[in-house]
Amino acid sequence: MQKQNYQILLEQTLQNITKQHQRPKLLLHSCCAPCSSYVLEYLTQYFSITIDYYNPNIAPAEEFHRRANEQQHLIEQMGLEDVTCMIAEFDPTPFLEIAKGREQEKEGGSRCFDCYRLRLEHAAKMAKNNGYDYFTTTLSISPHKNAQVLNAIGQELSTIYDIPYLYADFKKKNGYQRSCTLSETYHLYRQDYCGCAFSKAEAMARRQQQP
């Protein structure tokens, strides 16, 4: 099956929004401040945005709160008046339930895909219940995240919850590189693992193998 170019779909949606002189409400799931930096710079031209910081995969608790604080700090640093942020409580239970029995899987497999869905479904429900026009996630900006899978999940949840999903692959148009630049500009804490204890263990193993 041919891969879909989700950047083209995003640009088509943004063009339609511009023609209609609208400023829709977007619920944006964010995994961390560095990943959201470019996405916010890009999408605040078109949307009123609420950040949904829901990441039950992140461990330990100190890491969760550090990333949450950095997310709020970034919004203040960027001076984004039309952006608000909702921080979920730290509760790893939902993630541990989906990861049970798959603790030894390598990062990037089915456990990760179910983690995508866990967080996107939270955003879809919140968007539907609170009158947003779209929902999406920052996750596709990472070179380590599968944009095809992310957008397929978003499409499915859009149908289930009857709320439009904003298709995107934010790593396109040098999005990832721009997020690195913005992270340096705003002196952001940039972690070296995705978030869960399993990805942290993999990152530690990689570091130990380096000469």
N, C-alpha and C. Protein backbone atom coordinates (compact mmCIF):
# COMPACT_ATOMS: atom_id res chain seq x y z
N MET A 1 0.84 -1.20 0.00
CA MET A 1 0.00 0.00 0.00
C MET A 1 0.88 1.25 0.00
N GLN A 2 0.56 2.20 -0.87
CA GLN A 2 1.34 3.43 -0.98
C GLN A 2 1.14 4.30 0.25
N LYS A 3 2.24 4.87 0.75
CA LYS A 3 2.16 5.72 1.91
C LYS A 3 1.48 7.04 1.56
N GLN A 4 0.68 7.52 2.49
CA GLN A 4 -0.02 8.79 2.31
C GLN A 4 0.90 9.93 2.72
N ASN A 5 0.87 11.02 1.98
CA ASN A 5 1.63 12.21 2.34
C ASN A 5 0.74 13.10 3.20
N TYR A 6 0.92 13.00 4.50
CA TYR A 6 0.03 13.71 5.41
C TYR A 6 0.35 15.20 5.50
N GLN A 7 1.53 15.60 5.10
CA GLN A 7 1.84 17.03 5.04
C GLN A 7 0.98 17.71 3.99
N ILE A 8 0.78 17.06 2.86
CA ILE A 8 -0.08 17.62 1.81
C ILE A 8 -1.52 17.74 2.31
N LEU A 9 -2.01 16.72 3.01
CA LEU A 9 -3.37 16.78 3.56
C LEU A 9 -3.50 17.92 4.56
N LEU A 10 -2.46 18.11 5.39
CA LEU A 10 -2.49 19.21 6.36
C LEU A 10 -2.54 20.55 5.64
N GLU A 11 -1.72 20.72 4.63
CA GLU A 11 -1.69 21.99 3.92
C GLU A 11 -3.03 22.27 3.24
N GLN A 12 -3.69 21.26 2.73
CA GLN A 12 -5.00 21.44 2.12
C GLN A 12 -6.02 21.90 3.16
N THR A 13 -5.97 21.31 4.35
CA THR A 13 -6.88 21.72 5.42
C THR A 13 -6.62 23.15 5.84
N LEU A 14 -5.36 23.51 5.97
CA LEU A 14 -5.01 24.88 6.38
C LEU A 14 -5.43 25.90 5.33
N GLN A 15 -5.32 25.53 4.06
CA GLN A 15 -5.76 26.42 2.99
C GLN A 15 -7.27 26.66 3.07
N ASN A 16 -8.02 25.60 3.33
CA ASN A 16 -9.48 25.73 3.45
C ASN A 16 -9.86 26.61 4.64
N ILE A 17 -9.14 26.46 5.74
CA ILE A 17 -9.41 27.28 6.92
C ILE A 17 -9.14 28.75 6.62
N THR A 18 -8.04 29.01 5.92
CA THR A 18 -7.69 30.38 5.56
C THR A 18 -8.75 31.01 4.65
N LYS A 19 -9.24 30.25 3.68
CA LYS A 19 -10.25 30.76 2.75
C LYS A 19 -11.55 31.08 3.46
N GLN A 20 -11.86 30.31 4.50
CA GLN A 20 -13.12 30.51 5.22
C GLN A 20 -13.01 31.55 6.33
N HIS A 21 -11.81 32.12 6.48
CA HIS A 21 -11.58 33.15 7.49
C HIS A 21 -12.03 32.68 8.87
N GLN A 22 -11.67 31.43 9.18
CA GLN A 22 -12.01 30.84 10.46
C GLN A 22 -10.79 30.78 11.36
N ARG A 23 -11.02 30.62 12.63
CA ARG A 23 -9.96 30.29 13.57
C ARG A 23 -10.49 29.18 14.47
N PRO A 24 -10.43 27.94 13.97
CA PRO A 24 -11.01 26.82 14.71
C PRO A 24 -10.27 26.53 16.01
N LYS A 25 -10.92 25.75 16.86
CA LYS A 25 -10.33 25.33 18.12
C LYS A 25 -9.70 23.95 17.94
N LEU A 26 -8.43 23.84 18.28
CA LEU A 26 -7.69 22.60 18.12
C LEU A 26 -7.25 22.08 19.48
N LEU A 27 -7.53 20.81 19.75
CA LEU A 27 -6.99 20.15 20.93
C LEU A 27 -5.74 19.38 20.48
N LEU A 28 -4.61 19.80 20.98
CA LEU A 28 -3.32 19.27 20.54
C LEU A 28 -2.70 18.43 21.64
N HIS A 29 -2.69 17.12 21.45
CA HIS A 29 -1.95 16.28 22.40
C HIS A 29 -0.46 16.57 22.24
N SER A 30 0.21 16.77 23.36
CA SER A 30 1.65 17.03 23.32
C SER A 30 2.38 16.07 24.25
N CYS A 31 3.48 15.52 23.74
CA CYS A 31 4.29 14.62 24.55
C CYS A 31 5.33 15.37 25.37
N CYS A 32 5.75 16.54 24.87
CA CYS A 32 6.78 17.32 25.58
C CYS A 32 6.94 18.68 24.91
N ALA A 33 7.62 19.57 25.60
CA ALA A 33 7.83 20.92 25.07
C ALA A 33 8.64 20.94 23.78
N PRO A 34 9.78 20.23 23.69
CA PRO A 34 10.56 20.29 22.45
C PRO A 34 9.75 19.88 21.22
N CYS A 35 8.99 18.80 21.33
CA CYS A 35 8.20 18.35 20.18
C CYS A 35 7.09 19.33 19.83
N SER A 36 6.55 20.01 20.84
CA SER A 36 5.45 20.93 20.58
C SER A 36 5.92 22.28 20.05
N SER A 37 7.21 22.60 20.21
CA SER A 37 7.68 23.94 19.89
C SER A 37 7.41 24.32 18.43
N TYR A 38 7.85 23.48 17.51
CA TYR A 38 7.61 23.77 16.09
C TYR A 38 6.13 23.69 15.75
N VAL A 39 5.43 22.71 16.32
CA VAL A 39 4.01 22.54 16.02
C VAL A 39 3.22 23.76 16.45
N LEU A 40 3.55 24.31 17.61
CA LEU A 40 2.87 25.52 18.06
C LEU A 40 3.22 26.71 17.18
N GLU A 41 4.48 26.85 16.84
CA GLU A 41 4.90 27.94 15.95
C GLU A 41 4.13 27.87 14.63
N TYR A 42 3.94 26.68 14.13
CA TYR A 42 3.28 26.45 12.84
C TYR A 42 1.77 26.65 12.93
N LEU A 43 1.13 26.00 13.89
CA LEU A 43 -0.33 25.93 13.89
C LEU A 43 -1.03 27.11 14.55
N THR A 44 -0.32 27.88 15.37
CA THR A 44 -0.98 29.04 15.99
C THR A 44 -1.33 30.11 14.96
N GLN A 45 -0.82 29.97 13.76
CA GLN A 45 -1.23 30.88 12.68
C GLN A 45 -2.68 30.63 12.26
N TYR A 46 -3.19 29.44 12.58
CA TYR A 46 -4.49 29.02 12.06
C TYR A 46 -5.51 28.65 13.13
N PHE A 47 -5.05 28.28 14.33
CA PHE A 47 -5.95 27.72 15.34
C PHE A 47 -5.80 28.41 16.69
N SER A 48 -6.89 28.37 17.45
CA SER A 48 -6.80 28.56 18.89
C SER A 48 -6.51 27.17 19.47
N ILE A 49 -5.47 27.05 20.25
CA ILE A 49 -4.97 25.73 20.64
C ILE A 49 -5.02 25.51 22.14
N THR A 50 -5.45 24.32 22.50
CA THR A 50 -5.33 23.84 23.87
C THR A 50 -4.42 22.62 23.86
N ILE A 51 -3.36 22.68 24.65
CA ILE A 51 -2.45 21.55 24.79
C ILE A 51 -3.08 20.52 25.73
N ASP A 52 -3.09 19.27 25.30
CA ASP A 52 -3.53 18.17 26.15
C ASP A 52 -2.28 17.38 26.54
N TYR A 53 -1.74 17.69 27.71
CA TYR A 53 -0.56 16.96 28.19
C TYR A 53 -1.04 15.73 28.97
N TYR A 54 -1.30 14.68 28.21
CA TYR A 54 -1.74 13.41 28.79
C TYR A 54 -0.76 12.34 28.34
N ASN A 55 0.09 11.90 29.26
CA ASN A 55 1.17 10.97 28.92
C ASN A 55 1.41 9.98 30.05
N PRO A 56 0.51 9.02 30.23
CA PRO A 56 0.66 8.06 31.32
C PRO A 56 1.82 7.10 31.12
N ASN A 57 2.43 7.15 29.95
CA ASN A 57 3.60 6.32 29.68
C ASN A 57 4.87 6.86 30.33
N ILE A 58 4.92 8.14 30.61
CA ILE A 58 6.16 8.75 31.08
C ILE A 58 6.49 8.30 32.50
N ALA A 59 7.73 7.91 32.69
CA ALA A 59 8.20 7.45 34.00
C ALA A 59 9.64 7.92 34.19
N PRO A 60 10.02 8.17 35.45
CA PRO A 60 9.21 8.12 36.67
C PRO A 60 8.38 9.39 36.83
N ALA A 61 7.75 9.55 37.98
CA ALA A 61 6.88 10.70 38.22
C ALA A 61 7.64 12.02 38.08
N GLU A 62 8.89 12.04 38.52
CA GLU A 62 9.69 13.26 38.43
C GLU A 62 9.87 13.69 36.98
N GLU A 63 10.03 12.71 36.11
CA GLU A 63 10.18 13.02 34.68
C GLU A 63 8.88 13.57 34.11
N PHE A 64 7.76 12.97 34.50
CA PHE A 64 6.45 13.43 34.05
C PHE A 64 6.25 14.91 34.41
N HIS A 65 6.52 15.25 35.66
CA HIS A 65 6.29 16.61 36.12
C HIS A 65 7.31 17.58 35.53
N ARG A 66 8.52 17.12 35.32
CA ARG A 66 9.52 18.00 34.71
C ARG A 66 9.11 18.38 33.30
N ARG A 67 8.63 17.40 32.53
CA ARG A 67 8.19 17.68 31.16
C ARG A 67 6.94 18.55 31.16
N ALA A 68 6.04 18.31 32.11
CA ALA A 68 4.83 19.13 32.20
C ALA A 68 5.17 20.59 32.49
N ASN A 69 6.08 20.81 33.43
CA ASN A 69 6.49 22.17 33.76
C ASN A 69 7.18 22.84 32.58
N GLU A 70 7.98 22.09 31.86
CA GLU A 70 8.67 22.64 30.70
C GLU A 70 7.68 23.01 29.60
N GLN A 71 6.61 22.21 29.48
CA GLN A 71 5.57 22.52 28.49
C GLN A 71 4.92 23.87 28.79
N GLN A 72 4.56 24.08 30.03
CA GLN A 72 3.93 25.35 30.42
C GLN A 72 4.90 26.51 30.28
N HIS A 73 6.15 26.26 30.62
CA HIS A 73 7.17 27.31 30.52
C HIS A 73 7.39 27.73 29.07
N LEU A 74 7.37 26.76 28.16
CA LEU A 74 7.55 27.08 26.74
C LEU A 74 6.46 28.02 26.23
N ILE A 75 5.21 27.74 26.59
CA ILE A 75 4.09 28.58 26.15
C ILE A 75 4.30 30.02 26.62
N GLU A 76 4.77 30.17 27.85
CA GLU A 76 5.04 31.51 28.38
C GLU A 76 6.20 32.16 27.63
N GLN A 77 7.26 31.39 27.38
CA GLN A 77 8.43 31.95 26.69
C GLN A 77 8.10 32.39 25.27
N MET A 78 7.25 31.62 24.59
CA MET A 78 6.91 31.95 23.21
C MET A 78 5.88 33.07 23.14
N GLY A 79 5.30 33.43 24.26
CA GLY A 79 4.32 34.52 24.28
C GLY A 79 3.05 34.19 23.52
N LEU A 80 2.60 32.96 23.63
CA LEU A 80 1.43 32.50 22.87
C LEU A 80 0.15 32.76 23.66
N GLU A 81 -0.54 33.83 23.31
CA GLU A 81 -1.72 34.25 24.06
C GLU A 81 -2.94 33.39 23.76
N ASP A 82 -2.96 32.78 22.60
CA ASP A 82 -4.13 31.99 22.20
C ASP A 82 -3.88 30.49 22.39
N VAL A 83 -3.01 30.17 23.35
CA VAL A 83 -2.70 28.77 23.66
C VAL A 83 -2.87 28.55 25.16
N THR A 84 -3.62 27.53 25.51
CA THR A 84 -3.77 27.13 26.91
C THR A 84 -3.26 25.71 27.06
N CYS A 85 -3.07 25.28 28.29
CA CYS A 85 -2.47 23.97 28.54
C CYS A 85 -3.20 23.26 29.68
N MET A 86 -3.59 22.04 29.42
CA MET A 86 -4.21 21.19 30.44
C MET A 86 -3.25 20.05 30.77
N ILE A 87 -2.89 19.95 32.04
CA ILE A 87 -1.96 18.92 32.50
C ILE A 87 -2.74 17.83 33.22
N ALA A 88 -2.65 16.62 32.72
CA ALA A 88 -3.32 15.50 33.37
C ALA A 88 -2.58 15.11 34.64
N GLU A 89 -3.28 14.44 35.55
CA GLU A 89 -2.62 13.93 36.74
C GLU A 89 -1.68 12.79 36.37
N PHE A 90 -0.66 12.61 37.16
CA PHE A 90 0.26 11.51 36.92
C PHE A 90 -0.39 10.20 37.35
N ASP A 91 -0.65 9.34 36.39
CA ASP A 91 -1.25 8.04 36.66
C ASP A 91 -0.78 7.05 35.60
N PRO A 92 0.25 6.25 35.89
CA PRO A 92 0.81 5.33 34.90
C PRO A 92 -0.03 4.08 34.65
N THR A 93 -1.11 3.91 35.42
CA THR A 93 -1.89 2.66 35.34
C THR A 93 -2.37 2.33 33.94
N PRO A 94 -2.98 3.26 33.19
CA PRO A 94 -3.46 2.89 31.85
C PRO A 94 -2.37 2.39 30.93
N PHE A 95 -1.19 3.00 31.02
CA PHE A 95 -0.09 2.54 30.17
C PHE A 95 0.42 1.17 30.60
N LEU A 96 0.57 0.97 31.89
CA LEU A 96 1.08 -0.32 32.38
C LEU A 96 0.14 -1.46 32.02
N GLU A 97 -1.14 -1.15 31.96
CA GLU A 97 -2.12 -2.18 31.59
C GLU A 97 -1.96 -2.60 30.13
N ILE A 98 -1.74 -1.65 29.24
CA ILE A 98 -1.59 -2.02 27.82
C ILE A 98 -0.22 -2.64 27.55
N ALA A 99 0.77 -2.32 28.40
CA ALA A 99 2.12 -2.84 28.19
C ALA A 99 2.32 -4.22 28.81
N LYS A 100 1.39 -4.66 29.63
CA LYS A 100 1.55 -5.92 30.35
C LYS A 100 1.78 -7.08 29.39
N GLY A 101 2.84 -7.83 29.63
CA GLY A 101 3.19 -8.96 28.79
C GLY A 101 4.07 -8.60 27.61
N ARG A 102 4.26 -7.29 27.40
CA ARG A 102 5.07 -6.84 26.27
C ARG A 102 6.22 -5.95 26.73
N GLU A 103 6.61 -6.14 27.97
CA GLU A 103 7.64 -5.29 28.54
C GLU A 103 8.98 -5.42 27.82
N GLN A 104 9.24 -6.56 27.21
CA GLN A 104 10.53 -6.80 26.57
C GLN A 104 10.54 -6.42 25.08
N GLU A 105 9.40 -5.98 24.56
CA GLU A 105 9.37 -5.56 23.15
C GLU A 105 10.29 -4.36 22.93
N LYS A 106 10.92 -4.33 21.77
CA LYS A 106 11.74 -3.18 21.43
C LYS A 106 10.86 -1.98 21.11
N GLU A 107 11.39 -0.82 21.33
CA GLU A 107 10.66 0.42 21.03
C GLU A 107 10.32 0.49 19.54
N GLY A 108 9.10 0.93 19.26
CA GLY A 108 8.67 1.07 17.87
C GLY A 108 7.76 -0.03 17.40
N GLY A 109 7.35 -0.94 18.30
CA GLY A 109 6.48 -2.05 17.93
C GLY A 109 5.05 -1.84 18.37
N SER A 110 4.35 -2.94 18.56
CA SER A 110 2.91 -2.87 18.85
C SER A 110 2.60 -2.22 20.18
N ARG A 111 3.49 -2.37 21.16
CA ARG A 111 3.27 -1.71 22.45
C ARG A 111 3.23 -0.20 22.25
N CYS A 112 4.15 0.31 21.43
CA CYS A 112 4.18 1.75 21.16
C CYS A 112 2.94 2.20 20.40
N PHE A 113 2.49 1.37 19.46
CA PHE A 113 1.30 1.74 18.69
C PHE A 113 0.08 1.84 19.60
N ASP A 114 -0.03 0.93 20.57
CA ASP A 114 -1.14 1.01 21.51
C ASP A 114 -1.00 2.21 22.43
N CYS A 115 0.24 2.62 22.68
CA CYS A 115 0.46 3.83 23.47
C CYS A 115 0.03 5.06 22.69
N TYR A 116 0.30 5.07 21.39
CA TYR A 116 -0.22 6.15 20.54
C TYR A 116 -1.74 6.25 20.72
N ARG A 117 -2.37 5.10 20.60
CA ARG A 117 -3.83 5.08 20.64
C ARG A 117 -4.36 5.54 22.00
N LEU A 118 -3.71 5.12 23.06
CA LEU A 118 -4.13 5.50 24.40
C LEU A 118 -4.19 7.02 24.53
N ARG A 119 -3.15 7.67 24.06
CA ARG A 119 -3.07 9.13 24.21
C ARG A 119 -3.97 9.85 23.21
N LEU A 120 -4.03 9.34 21.99
CA LEU A 120 -4.91 9.97 20.99
C LEU A 120 -6.38 9.82 21.35
N GLU A 121 -6.73 8.68 21.95
CA GLU A 121 -8.14 8.49 22.32
C GLU A 121 -8.53 9.45 23.43
N HIS A 122 -7.63 9.71 24.35
CA HIS A 122 -7.89 10.71 25.39
C HIS A 122 -8.17 12.06 24.76
N ALA A 123 -7.36 12.43 23.76
CA ALA A 123 -7.55 13.71 23.08
C ALA A 123 -8.86 13.75 22.31
N ALA A 124 -9.18 12.65 21.64
CA ALA A 124 -10.42 12.60 20.86
C ALA A 124 -11.64 12.78 21.76
N LYS A 125 -11.67 12.08 22.87
CA LYS A 125 -12.79 12.19 23.80
C LYS A 125 -12.91 13.61 24.35
N MET A 126 -11.78 14.17 24.74
CA MET A 126 -11.79 15.52 25.31
C MET A 126 -12.23 16.55 24.27
N ALA A 127 -11.75 16.37 23.04
CA ALA A 127 -12.13 17.30 21.99
C ALA A 127 -13.63 17.24 21.71
N LYS A 128 -14.15 16.04 21.65
CA LYS A 128 -15.58 15.86 21.38
C LYS A 128 -16.44 16.42 22.51
N ASN A 129 -16.05 16.15 23.73
CA ASN A 129 -16.85 16.55 24.89
C ASN A 129 -16.78 18.03 25.21
N ASN A 130 -15.79 18.73 24.64
CA ASN A 130 -15.61 20.13 24.99
C ASN A 130 -15.71 21.08 23.79
N GLY A 131 -16.28 20.59 22.70
CA GLY A 131 -16.62 21.46 21.59
C GLY A 131 -15.46 21.94 20.74
N TYR A 132 -14.41 21.14 20.63
CA TYR A 132 -13.30 21.51 19.75
C TYR A 132 -13.64 21.16 18.30
N ASP A 133 -12.94 21.79 17.39
CA ASP A 133 -13.19 21.55 15.97
C ASP A 133 -12.29 20.45 15.40
N TYR A 134 -11.11 20.27 16.01
CA TYR A 134 -10.16 19.26 15.56
C TYR A 134 -9.37 18.74 16.76
N PHE A 135 -8.78 17.56 16.58
CA PHE A 135 -7.76 17.08 17.52
C PHE A 135 -6.60 16.51 16.72
N THR A 136 -5.42 16.54 17.32
CA THR A 136 -4.24 15.93 16.69
C THR A 136 -3.17 15.77 17.76
N THR A 137 -1.96 15.37 17.35
CA THR A 137 -0.87 15.14 18.28
C THR A 137 0.46 15.63 17.71
N THR A 138 1.36 15.96 18.59
CA THR A 138 2.71 16.36 18.19
C THR A 138 3.60 15.17 17.85
N LEU A 139 3.16 13.96 18.15
CA LEU A 139 4.04 12.79 18.09
C LEU A 139 4.71 12.57 16.74
N SER A 140 4.04 12.95 15.66
CA SER A 140 4.60 12.66 14.33
C SER A 140 5.85 13.48 14.02
N ILE A 141 6.20 14.43 14.87
CA ILE A 141 7.41 15.21 14.60
C ILE A 141 8.67 14.40 14.84
N SER A 142 8.56 13.35 15.64
CA SER A 142 9.73 12.55 15.96
C SER A 142 10.09 11.60 14.83
N PRO A 143 11.38 11.52 14.47
CA PRO A 143 11.81 10.55 13.46
C PRO A 143 11.59 9.11 13.91
N HIS A 144 11.36 8.92 15.22
CA HIS A 144 11.18 7.57 15.77
C HIS A 144 9.72 7.16 15.86
N LYS A 145 8.81 8.04 15.46
CA LYS A 145 7.39 7.73 15.52
C LYS A 145 6.85 7.49 14.12
N ASN A 146 5.96 6.52 14.02
CA ASN A 146 5.41 6.09 12.73
C ASN A 146 4.19 6.95 12.38
N ALA A 147 4.39 7.90 11.47
CA ALA A 147 3.32 8.83 11.11
C ALA A 147 2.16 8.12 10.42
N GLN A 148 2.44 7.08 9.66
CA GLN A 148 1.37 6.35 8.99
C GLN A 148 0.44 5.70 10.02
N VAL A 149 1.02 5.09 11.03
CA VAL A 149 0.22 4.46 12.09
C VAL A 149 -0.53 5.51 12.90
N LEU A 150 0.16 6.58 13.26
CA LEU A 150 -0.47 7.65 14.04
C LEU A 150 -1.71 8.21 13.34
N ASN A 151 -1.58 8.49 12.07
CA ASN A 151 -2.70 9.09 11.34
C ASN A 151 -3.82 8.08 11.09
N ALA A 152 -3.47 6.81 10.93
CA ALA A 152 -4.51 5.79 10.79
C ALA A 152 -5.32 5.67 12.07
N ILE A 153 -4.64 5.74 13.21
CA ILE A 153 -5.35 5.72 14.50
C ILE A 153 -6.22 6.96 14.64
N GLY A 154 -5.66 8.11 14.27
CA GLY A 154 -6.44 9.35 14.34
C GLY A 154 -7.68 9.28 13.48
N GLN A 155 -7.56 8.72 12.29
CA GLN A 155 -8.70 8.58 11.39
C GLN A 155 -9.77 7.68 12.01
N GLU A 156 -9.34 6.57 12.60
CA GLU A 156 -10.29 5.65 13.21
C GLU A 156 -11.02 6.30 14.39
N LEU A 157 -10.27 6.99 15.24
CA LEU A 157 -10.89 7.65 16.40
C LEU A 157 -11.79 8.80 15.97
N SER A 158 -11.44 9.45 14.88
CA SER A 158 -12.29 10.51 14.34
C SER A 158 -13.67 9.98 13.99
N THR A 159 -13.70 8.80 13.41
CA THR A 159 -14.97 8.18 13.04
C THR A 159 -15.74 7.73 14.28
N ILE A 160 -15.03 7.13 15.23
CA ILE A 160 -15.69 6.62 16.44
C ILE A 160 -16.31 7.75 17.25
N TYR A 161 -15.57 8.85 17.42
CA TYR A 161 -16.03 9.92 18.31
C TYR A 161 -16.64 11.11 17.56
N ASP A 162 -16.71 11.00 16.24
CA ASP A 162 -17.33 12.04 15.42
C ASP A 162 -16.71 13.41 15.68
N ILE A 163 -15.39 13.46 15.55
CA ILE A 163 -14.66 14.70 15.73
C ILE A 163 -13.52 14.71 14.70
N PRO A 164 -13.37 15.76 13.91
CA PRO A 164 -12.34 15.77 12.86
C PRO A 164 -10.92 15.64 13.42
N TYR A 165 -10.13 14.82 12.77
CA TYR A 165 -8.72 14.67 13.11
C TYR A 165 -7.89 15.49 12.13
N LEU A 166 -6.93 16.22 12.65
CA LEU A 166 -6.05 17.02 11.81
C LEU A 166 -4.86 16.16 11.39
N TYR A 167 -4.90 15.69 10.15
CA TYR A 167 -3.82 14.84 9.63
C TYR A 167 -2.53 15.65 9.55
N ALA A 168 -1.42 15.02 9.91
CA ALA A 168 -0.16 15.74 9.89
C ALA A 168 1.01 14.77 9.97
N ASP A 169 2.12 15.21 9.45
CA ASP A 169 3.41 14.56 9.66
C ASP A 169 4.39 15.71 9.90
N PHE A 170 4.49 16.12 11.15
CA PHE A 170 5.18 17.36 11.48
C PHE A 170 6.69 17.32 11.28
N LYS A 171 7.25 16.13 11.03
CA LYS A 171 8.68 16.07 10.72
C LYS A 171 8.98 16.59 9.32
N LYS A 172 7.93 16.67 8.47
CA LYS A 172 8.11 17.20 7.12
C LYS A 172 8.45 18.69 7.17
N LYS A 173 8.95 19.20 6.05
CA LYS A 173 9.33 20.62 5.94
C LYS A 173 10.34 21.00 7.02
N ASN A 174 11.23 20.04 7.34
CA ASN A 174 12.28 20.26 8.34
C ASN A 174 11.72 20.57 9.72
N GLY A 175 10.53 20.01 10.01
CA GLY A 175 9.89 20.27 11.30
C GLY A 175 10.71 19.80 12.47
N TYR A 176 11.30 18.61 12.35
CA TYR A 176 12.10 18.10 13.46
C TYR A 176 13.32 18.98 13.69
N GLN A 177 14.00 19.35 12.60
CA GLN A 177 15.17 20.21 12.74
C GLN A 177 14.81 21.55 13.36
N ARG A 178 13.65 22.09 12.96
CA ARG A 178 13.20 23.36 13.53
C ARG A 178 12.92 23.22 15.03
N SER A 179 12.37 22.08 15.43
CA SER A 179 12.10 21.86 16.86
C SER A 179 13.41 21.82 17.65
N CYS A 180 14.46 21.27 17.04
CA CYS A 180 15.78 21.26 17.70
C CYS A 180 16.31 22.68 17.86
N THR A 181 16.14 23.49 16.82
CA THR A 181 16.59 24.89 16.88
C THR A 181 15.83 25.66 17.96
N LEU A 182 14.51 25.47 17.99
CA LEU A 182 13.69 26.17 18.99
C LEU A 182 14.03 25.70 20.40
N SER A 183 14.36 24.43 20.54
CA SER A 183 14.75 23.91 21.85
C SER A 183 16.00 24.62 22.35
N GLU A 184 16.93 24.88 21.44
CA GLU A 184 18.15 25.61 21.82
C GLU A 184 17.82 27.07 22.12
N THR A 185 16.96 27.66 21.30
CA THR A 185 16.59 29.07 21.49
C THR A 185 15.97 29.30 22.87
N TYR A 186 15.08 28.39 23.26
CA TYR A 186 14.36 28.54 24.53
C TYR A 186 14.98 27.74 25.66
N HIS A 187 16.15 27.15 25.41
CA HIS A 187 16.89 26.40 26.44
C HIS A 187 16.02 25.32 27.08
N LEU A 188 15.37 24.56 26.23
CA LEU A 188 14.45 23.54 26.71
C LEU A 188 15.17 22.29 27.17
N TYR A 189 14.62 21.67 28.20
CA TYR A 189 15.08 20.35 28.60
C TYR A 189 14.66 19.37 27.51
N ARG A 190 15.63 18.70 26.91
CA ARG A 190 15.35 17.76 25.82
C ARG A 190 15.82 16.37 26.25
N GLN A 191 14.87 15.52 26.59
CA GLN A 191 15.16 14.19 27.10
C GLN A 191 15.75 13.29 26.01
N ASP A 192 16.42 12.23 26.42
CA ASP A 192 17.03 11.33 25.45
C ASP A 192 16.30 9.99 25.33
N TYR A 193 15.08 9.95 25.85
CA TYR A 193 14.25 8.75 25.66
C TYR A 193 12.80 9.16 25.54
N CYS A 194 12.00 8.31 24.92
CA CYS A 194 10.62 8.67 24.60
C CYS A 194 9.82 9.05 25.84
N GLY A 195 9.93 8.22 26.87
CA GLY A 195 9.18 8.55 28.08
C GLY A 195 8.97 7.38 29.01
N CYS A 196 8.71 6.20 28.48
CA CYS A 196 8.39 5.06 29.34
C CYS A 196 9.66 4.43 29.90
N ALA A 197 9.48 3.62 30.93
CA ALA A 197 10.62 2.97 31.56
C ALA A 197 11.36 2.05 30.60
N PHE A 198 10.63 1.48 29.64
CA PHE A 198 11.24 0.56 28.69
C PHE A 198 12.13 1.31 27.71
N SER A 199 11.67 2.46 27.23
CA SER A 199 12.49 3.26 26.32
C SER A 199 13.69 3.85 27.06
N LYS A 200 13.51 4.16 28.34
CA LYS A 200 14.63 4.66 29.13
C LYS A 200 15.71 3.60 29.26
N ALA A 201 15.30 2.35 29.50
CA ALA A 201 16.26 1.26 29.61
C ALA A 201 17.02 1.07 28.30
N GLU A 202 16.32 1.18 27.17
CA GLU A 202 16.99 1.06 25.87
C GLU A 202 18.00 2.19 25.67
N ALA A 203 17.62 3.40 26.07
CA ALA A 203 18.52 4.54 25.93
C ALA A 203 19.77 4.37 26.79
N MET A 204 19.60 3.86 27.99
CA MET A 204 20.73 3.62 28.88
C MET A 204 21.66 2.56 28.29
N ALA A 205 21.07 1.53 27.70
CA ALA A 205 21.88 0.48 27.09
C ALA A 205 22.69 1.02 25.91
N ARG A 206 22.08 1.91 25.12
CA ARG A 206 22.80 2.52 23.99
C ARG A 206 23.98 3.34 24.48
N ARG A 207 23.75 4.10 25.55
CA ARG A 207 24.82 4.93 26.08
C ARG A 207 25.99 4.09 26.58
N GLN A 208 25.68 2.96 27.20
CA GLN A 208 26.71 2.08 27.74
C GLN A 208 27.55 1.44 26.63
N GLN A 209 26.95 1.28 25.45
CA GLN A 209 27.65 0.66 24.33
C GLN A 209 28.53 1.65 23.58
N GLN A 210 28.33 2.93 23.84
CA GLN A 210 29.12 3.94 23.13
C GLN A 210 30.54 3.96 23.68
N PRO A 211 31.52 4.12 22.77
CA PRO A 211 32.92 4.14 23.22
C PRO A 211 33.24 5.38 24.07
